Protein backbone atom coordinates (compact mmCIF):
# COMPACT_ATOMS: atom_id res chain seq x y z
CA MET A 1 221.16 144.93 175.95
CA ASN A 2 222.30 145.69 179.47
CA THR A 3 224.29 142.67 180.62
CA ARG A 4 223.84 143.62 184.30
CA SER A 5 220.08 143.04 184.29
CA TYR A 6 218.39 139.76 185.03
CA ASP A 7 215.05 138.43 186.22
CA ARG A 8 214.79 137.01 189.69
CA ASN A 9 212.04 135.37 191.69
CA ILE A 10 211.97 136.50 195.31
CA TYR A 11 210.68 134.02 197.84
CA ILE A 12 212.03 135.43 201.11
CA GLU A 13 210.69 138.62 202.68
CA ARG A 14 214.21 139.68 203.71
CA ALA A 15 215.32 139.54 200.05
CA LEU A 16 212.30 141.60 198.99
CA ARG A 17 213.10 144.27 201.56
CA GLN A 18 216.72 144.31 200.41
CA LYS A 19 215.68 144.86 196.77
CA LEU A 20 213.18 147.57 197.72
CA ASP A 21 215.77 149.37 199.84
CA TYR A 22 218.13 149.30 196.88
CA CYS A 23 215.48 150.82 194.60
CA HIS A 24 214.63 153.53 197.12
CA LYS A 25 218.25 154.49 197.80
CA ASN A 26 219.63 154.20 194.27
CA PRO A 27 218.85 157.79 193.10
CA LEU A 28 220.63 159.09 196.20
CA THR A 29 223.58 156.70 195.78
CA ARG A 30 223.96 157.70 192.12
CA GLY A 31 223.89 161.41 193.00
CA VAL A 32 220.70 162.15 191.09
CA VAL A 33 219.04 163.74 194.15
CA ASP A 34 220.19 164.95 197.55
CA ASP A 35 217.20 163.49 199.39
CA PRO A 36 215.24 160.36 198.38
CA ALA A 37 212.02 162.34 198.85
CA ASP A 38 213.11 164.56 195.92
CA TRP A 39 212.99 161.66 193.45
CA ARG A 40 209.97 162.25 191.22
CA TRP A 41 209.07 158.57 190.85
CA ARG A 42 209.56 157.67 194.50
CA SER A 43 207.51 155.05 196.23
CA TYR A 44 209.04 155.31 199.66
């Protein structure tokens, strides 16, 4: 089990945007792609 994962309820729009930004930028941050648009499973 990954100890860094946890469920979270999001009640504030600002928090939702923060989490979505993280998801969109993570492949780029991790060096998987050079451009977020290159990520196959992108939603941005």
